[in-house]
């Protein structure tokens, strides 16, 4: 899976032709979540609250 960003131990992955709705994958240790792009929300999976906040902030900036 292509990595598009890494910060604070969090990796963000995205496939160009992945299934709908548009999303990216956020991985932190043993945690993984599919994060929707519009609106920014967890579609599937789980992240610790602080990590979720950082991922949402990253998504809003990019």
N, C-alpha and C. Protein backbone atom coordinates (compact mmCIF):
# COMPACT_ATOMS: atom_id res chain seq x y z
N UNK A 1 0.86 -1.17 0.00
CA UNK A 1 0.00 0.00 0.00
C UNK A 1 0.91 1.24 0.00
N UNK A 2 0.74 2.16 -0.94
CA UNK A 2 1.60 3.34 -1.02
C UNK A 2 1.45 4.25 0.21
N UNK A 3 2.55 4.62 0.81
CA UNK A 3 2.56 5.53 1.95
C UNK A 3 2.67 6.95 1.41
N UNK A 4 1.74 7.82 1.82
CA UNK A 4 1.80 9.20 1.35
C UNK A 4 2.26 10.16 2.43
N UNK A 5 2.25 9.72 3.71
CA UNK A 5 2.72 10.58 4.79
C UNK A 5 3.03 9.75 6.02
N UNK A 6 4.00 10.22 6.80
CA UNK A 6 4.34 9.60 8.08
C UNK A 6 4.62 10.72 9.08
N UNK A 7 3.99 10.64 10.25
CA UNK A 7 4.22 11.64 11.29
C UNK A 7 3.82 11.06 12.64
N UNK A 8 4.62 11.34 13.67
CA UNK A 8 4.35 10.90 15.05
C UNK A 8 4.01 9.41 15.14
N UNK A 9 4.63 8.59 14.32
CA UNK A 9 4.37 7.15 14.34
C UNK A 9 3.11 6.74 13.60
N UNK A 10 2.46 7.68 12.95
CA UNK A 10 1.24 7.43 12.17
C UNK A 10 1.64 7.37 10.70
N UNK A 11 1.12 6.38 9.99
CA UNK A 11 1.35 6.34 8.54
C UNK A 11 0.00 6.46 7.83
N UNK A 12 0.01 7.22 6.75
CA UNK A 12 -1.18 7.43 5.93
C UNK A 12 -0.92 6.75 4.59
N UNK A 13 -1.84 5.89 4.20
CA UNK A 13 -1.74 5.14 2.95
C UNK A 13 -2.97 5.42 2.10
N UNK A 14 -2.78 5.39 0.76
CA UNK A 14 -3.91 5.58 -0.13
C UNK A 14 -3.66 4.87 -1.44
N UNK A 15 -4.70 4.22 -1.95
CA UNK A 15 -4.66 3.62 -3.27
C UNK A 15 -5.39 4.53 -4.24
N UNK A 16 -4.87 4.67 -5.44
CA UNK A 16 -5.48 5.53 -6.45
C UNK A 16 -6.88 5.03 -6.85
N UNK A 17 -7.03 3.74 -7.07
CA UNK A 17 -8.30 3.19 -7.59
C UNK A 17 -9.02 2.33 -6.56
N UNK A 18 -8.98 2.74 -5.30
CA UNK A 18 -9.63 1.96 -4.24
C UNK A 18 -11.15 2.15 -4.32
N UNK A 19 -11.88 1.34 -3.59
CA UNK A 19 -13.35 1.36 -3.60
C UNK A 19 -13.89 2.68 -3.04
N UNK A 20 -15.14 2.97 -3.35
CA UNK A 20 -15.82 4.15 -2.83
C UNK A 20 -16.32 3.90 -1.43
N UNK A 21 -16.54 4.89 -0.62
CA UNK A 21 -16.31 6.32 -0.82
C UNK A 21 -14.83 6.65 -0.76
N UNK A 22 -14.42 7.81 -1.29
CA UNK A 22 -13.00 8.20 -1.23
C UNK A 22 -12.50 8.21 0.22
N UNK A 23 -11.35 7.58 0.43
CA UNK A 23 -10.83 7.44 1.79
C UNK A 23 -9.33 7.19 1.76
N UNK A 24 -8.72 7.22 2.93
CA UNK A 24 -7.33 6.80 3.10
C UNK A 24 -7.26 5.92 4.32
N UNK A 25 -6.14 5.23 4.48
CA UNK A 25 -5.92 4.34 5.61
C UNK A 25 -4.93 5.01 6.55
N UNK A 26 -5.25 5.04 7.83
CA UNK A 26 -4.35 5.56 8.86
C UNK A 26 -3.94 4.39 9.75
N UNK A 27 -2.63 4.22 9.97
CA UNK A 27 -2.12 3.12 10.77
C UNK A 27 -1.24 3.69 11.88
N UNK A 28 -1.49 3.22 13.11
CA UNK A 28 -0.70 3.62 14.27
C UNK A 28 -0.52 2.38 15.14
N UNK A 29 0.66 1.81 15.13
CA UNK A 29 0.90 0.58 15.89
C UNK A 29 -0.03 -0.52 15.43
N UNK A 30 -0.79 -1.08 16.37
CA UNK A 30 -1.76 -2.13 16.06
C UNK A 30 -3.12 -1.59 15.62
N UNK A 31 -3.28 -0.28 15.60
CA UNK A 31 -4.54 0.35 15.24
C UNK A 31 -4.55 0.71 13.75
N UNK A 32 -5.70 0.53 13.12
CA UNK A 32 -5.86 0.93 11.73
C UNK A 32 -7.29 1.40 11.52
N UNK A 33 -7.44 2.44 10.70
CA UNK A 33 -8.77 2.96 10.40
C UNK A 33 -8.83 3.41 8.95
N UNK A 34 -10.00 3.26 8.36
CA UNK A 34 -10.31 3.85 7.06
C UNK A 34 -10.96 5.18 7.35
N UNK A 35 -10.42 6.26 6.80
CA UNK A 35 -10.89 7.60 7.10
C UNK A 35 -11.47 8.21 5.83
N UNK A 36 -12.73 8.59 5.88
CA UNK A 36 -13.38 9.24 4.75
C UNK A 36 -12.83 10.63 4.54
N UNK A 37 -12.79 11.06 3.28
CA UNK A 37 -12.21 12.35 2.94
C UNK A 37 -13.23 13.48 3.01
N UNK A 38 -14.45 13.24 2.58
CA UNK A 38 -15.46 14.29 2.62
C UNK A 38 -16.81 13.68 2.95
N UNK A 39 -17.27 13.80 4.16
CA UNK A 39 -16.66 14.48 5.30
C UNK A 39 -15.55 13.63 5.91
N UNK A 40 -14.67 14.30 6.66
CA UNK A 40 -13.58 13.59 7.35
C UNK A 40 -14.19 12.87 8.54
N UNK A 41 -14.17 11.53 8.46
CA UNK A 41 -14.73 10.72 9.53
C UNK A 41 -14.18 9.31 9.45
N UNK A 42 -14.21 8.60 10.57
CA UNK A 42 -13.80 7.19 10.59
C UNK A 42 -14.91 6.37 9.94
N UNK A 43 -14.55 5.66 8.88
CA UNK A 43 -15.52 4.79 8.20
C UNK A 43 -15.49 3.38 8.76
N UNK A 44 -14.30 2.96 9.18
CA UNK A 44 -14.11 1.59 9.65
C UNK A 44 -12.84 1.56 10.49
N UNK A 45 -12.82 0.76 11.54
CA UNK A 45 -11.62 0.62 12.35
C UNK A 45 -11.65 1.52 13.57
N UNK A 46 -10.46 1.67 14.19
CA UNK A 46 -10.38 2.38 15.46
C UNK A 46 -8.99 2.99 15.61
N UNK A 47 -8.93 4.19 16.19
CA UNK A 47 -7.68 4.85 16.52
C UNK A 47 -7.83 5.45 17.92
N UNK A 48 -6.74 5.53 18.69
CA UNK A 48 -6.81 6.25 19.97
C UNK A 48 -7.24 7.71 19.72
N UNK A 49 -7.90 8.31 20.69
CA UNK A 49 -8.45 9.65 20.51
C UNK A 49 -7.42 10.68 20.05
N UNK A 50 -6.25 10.70 20.68
CA UNK A 50 -5.22 11.69 20.30
C UNK A 50 -4.76 11.46 18.86
N UNK A 51 -4.59 10.21 18.47
CA UNK A 51 -4.17 9.88 17.11
C UNK A 51 -5.26 10.27 16.12
N UNK A 52 -6.51 10.00 16.47
CA UNK A 52 -7.63 10.39 15.61
C UNK A 52 -7.64 11.90 15.39
N UNK A 53 -7.40 12.67 16.43
CA UNK A 53 -7.35 14.13 16.29
C UNK A 53 -6.23 14.56 15.35
N UNK A 54 -5.06 13.94 15.47
CA UNK A 54 -3.94 14.28 14.59
C UNK A 54 -4.24 13.91 13.14
N UNK A 55 -4.85 12.75 12.93
CA UNK A 55 -5.19 12.31 11.58
C UNK A 55 -6.24 13.24 10.96
N UNK A 56 -7.24 13.63 11.72
CA UNK A 56 -8.27 14.54 11.21
C UNK A 56 -7.66 15.89 10.88
N UNK A 57 -6.74 16.38 11.71
CA UNK A 57 -6.07 17.65 11.44
C UNK A 57 -5.23 17.56 10.17
N UNK A 58 -4.50 16.43 10.03
CA UNK A 58 -3.71 16.21 8.82
C UNK A 58 -4.62 16.22 7.58
N UNK A 59 -5.74 15.52 7.67
CA UNK A 59 -6.66 15.45 6.53
C UNK A 59 -7.21 16.83 6.17
N UNK A 60 -7.52 17.63 7.15
CA UNK A 60 -8.06 18.97 6.88
C UNK A 60 -7.01 19.85 6.19
N UNK A 61 -5.74 19.66 6.54
CA UNK A 61 -4.67 20.45 5.94
C UNK A 61 -4.29 19.99 4.53
N UNK A 62 -4.53 18.73 4.23
CA UNK A 62 -4.09 18.19 2.94
C UNK A 62 -5.26 17.87 2.05
